[in-house]
Amino acid sequence: MKLQAITADPYEQTDLSDARPEVVEQLVQQIDEWKASLPDSPSGDVFSRERSQPDTDR
């Protein structure tokens, strides 16, 4: 995982993950907790109208 300081480095030239491993660890933990809270599969009308329409560019 890359860690960027978007305000200080808007072009994302510097990866701060090695310098701030505790932040990376915290973010990974938060992502894992969020993923664990998701249902096994979507139910109901979960997609926008645009995503529900067939892709005609193919």
C-alpha atoms as a PDB file:
ATOM      1  CA  MET A   1       0.000   0.000   0.000  1.00  0.00           C
ATOM      2  CA  LYS A   2       1.251   3.452  -0.855  1.00  0.00           C
ATOM      3  CA  LEU A   3       0.817   6.361   1.523  1.00  0.00           C
ATOM      4  CA  GLN A   4       0.656   9.792  -0.046  1.00  0.00           C
ATOM      5  CA  ALA A   5       0.454  13.315   1.424  1.00  0.00           C
ATOM      6  CA  ILE A   6      -1.903  14.706  -1.202  1.00  0.00           C
ATOM      7  CA  THR A   7      -1.903  18.279   0.111  1.00  0.00           C
ATOM      8  CA  ALA A   8       1.893  18.503   0.341  1.00  0.00           C
ATOM      9  CA  ASP A   9       2.537  16.316  -2.726  1.00  0.00           C
ATOM     10  CA  PRO A  10      -0.394  16.688  -5.151  1.00  0.00           C
ATOM     11  CA  TYR A  11       1.456  14.805  -7.902  1.00  0.00           C
ATOM     12  CA  GLU A  12       2.006  11.841  -5.570  1.00  0.00           C
ATOM     13  CA  GLN A  13       5.749  11.699  -6.169  1.00  0.00           C
ATOM     14  CA  THR A  14       6.680  10.468  -2.680  1.00  0.00           C
ATOM     15  CA  ASP A  15       5.523   7.241  -1.042  1.00  0.00           C
ATOM     16  CA  LEU A  16       5.492   7.747   2.738  1.00  0.00           C
ATOM     17  CA  SER A  17       4.613   4.162   3.672  1.00  0.00           C
ATOM     18  CA  ASP A  18       8.158   3.286   4.812  1.00  0.00           C
ATOM     19  CA  ALA A  19       8.429   6.449   6.899  1.00  0.00           C
ATOM     20  CA  ARG A  20       4.975   6.044   8.502  1.00  0.00           C
ATOM     21  CA  PRO A  21       4.321   2.290   8.905  1.00  0.00           C
ATOM     22  CA  GLU A  22       1.976   2.922  11.855  1.00  0.00           C
ATOM     23  CA  VAL A  23      -0.347   4.933   9.597  1.00  0.00           C
ATOM     24  CA  VAL A  24      -0.307   2.200   6.962  1.00  0.00           C
ATOM     25  CA  GLU A  25      -1.073  -0.408   9.625  1.00  0.00           C
ATOM     26  CA  GLN A  26      -3.991   1.656  10.934  1.00  0.00           C
ATOM     27  CA  LEU A  27      -5.410   2.176   7.434  1.00  0.00           C
ATOM     28  CA  VAL A  28      -5.102  -1.518   6.580  1.00  0.00           C
ATOM     29  CA  GLN A  29      -6.896  -2.393   9.812  1.00  0.00           C
ATOM     30  CA  GLN A  30      -9.701   0.066   9.041  1.00  0.00           C
ATOM     31  CA  ILE A  31     -10.072  -1.312   5.504  1.00  0.00           C
ATOM     32  CA  ASP A  32     -10.165  -4.892   6.817  1.00  0.00           C
ATOM     33  CA  GLU A  33     -12.835  -3.958   9.377  1.00  0.00           C
ATOM     34  CA  TRP A  34     -14.895  -2.227   6.699  1.00  0.00           C
ATOM     35  CA  LYS A  35     -14.588  -5.212   4.336  1.00  0.00           C
ATOM     36  CA  ALA A  36     -15.663  -7.571   7.138  1.00  0.00           C
ATOM     37  CA  SER A  37     -18.789  -5.462   7.650  1.00  0.00           C
ATOM     38  CA  LEU A  38     -19.918  -5.875   4.031  1.00  0.00           C
ATOM     39  CA  PRO A  39     -22.531  -8.481   3.122  1.00  0.00           C
ATOM     40  CA  ASP A  40     -21.399 -11.568   1.214  1.00  0.00           C
ATOM     41  CA  SER A  41     -23.188 -10.305  -1.880  1.00  0.00           C
ATOM     42  CA  PRO A  42     -25.148  -7.176  -2.754  1.00  0.00           C
ATOM     43  CA  SER A  43     -28.896  -7.250  -2.390  1.00  0.00           C
ATOM     44  CA  GLY A  44     -31.552  -4.922  -3.679  1.00  0.00           C
ATOM     45  CA  ASP A  45     -31.041  -2.003  -6.008  1.00  0.00           C
ATOM     46  CA  VAL A  46     -27.421  -1.133  -5.215  1.00  0.00           C
ATOM     47  CA  PHE A  47     -26.245   0.268  -8.543  1.00  0.00           C
ATOM     48  CA  SER A  48     -26.843   3.694 -10.051  1.00  0.00           C
ATOM     49  CA  ARG A  49     -28.998   4.009 -13.140  1.00  0.00           C
ATOM     50  CA  GLU A  50     -25.869   4.574 -15.252  1.00  0.00           C
ATOM     51  CA  ARG A  51     -24.191   1.385 -13.995  1.00  0.00           C
ATOM     52  CA  SER A  52     -27.369  -0.635 -14.477  1.00  0.00           C
ATOM     53  CA  GLN A  53     -27.549   0.131 -18.203  1.00  0.00           C
ATOM     54  CA  PRO A  54     -25.734  -2.114 -20.685  1.00  0.00           C
ATOM     55  CA  ASP A  55     -22.330  -0.964 -21.882  1.00  0.00           C
ATOM     56  CA  THR A  56     -22.778  -0.005 -25.540  1.00  0.00           C
ATOM     57  CA  ASP A  57     -19.102   0.849 -26.136  1.00  0.00           C
ATOM     58  CA  ARG A  58     -18.158  -2.795 -26.688  1.00  0.00           C
END
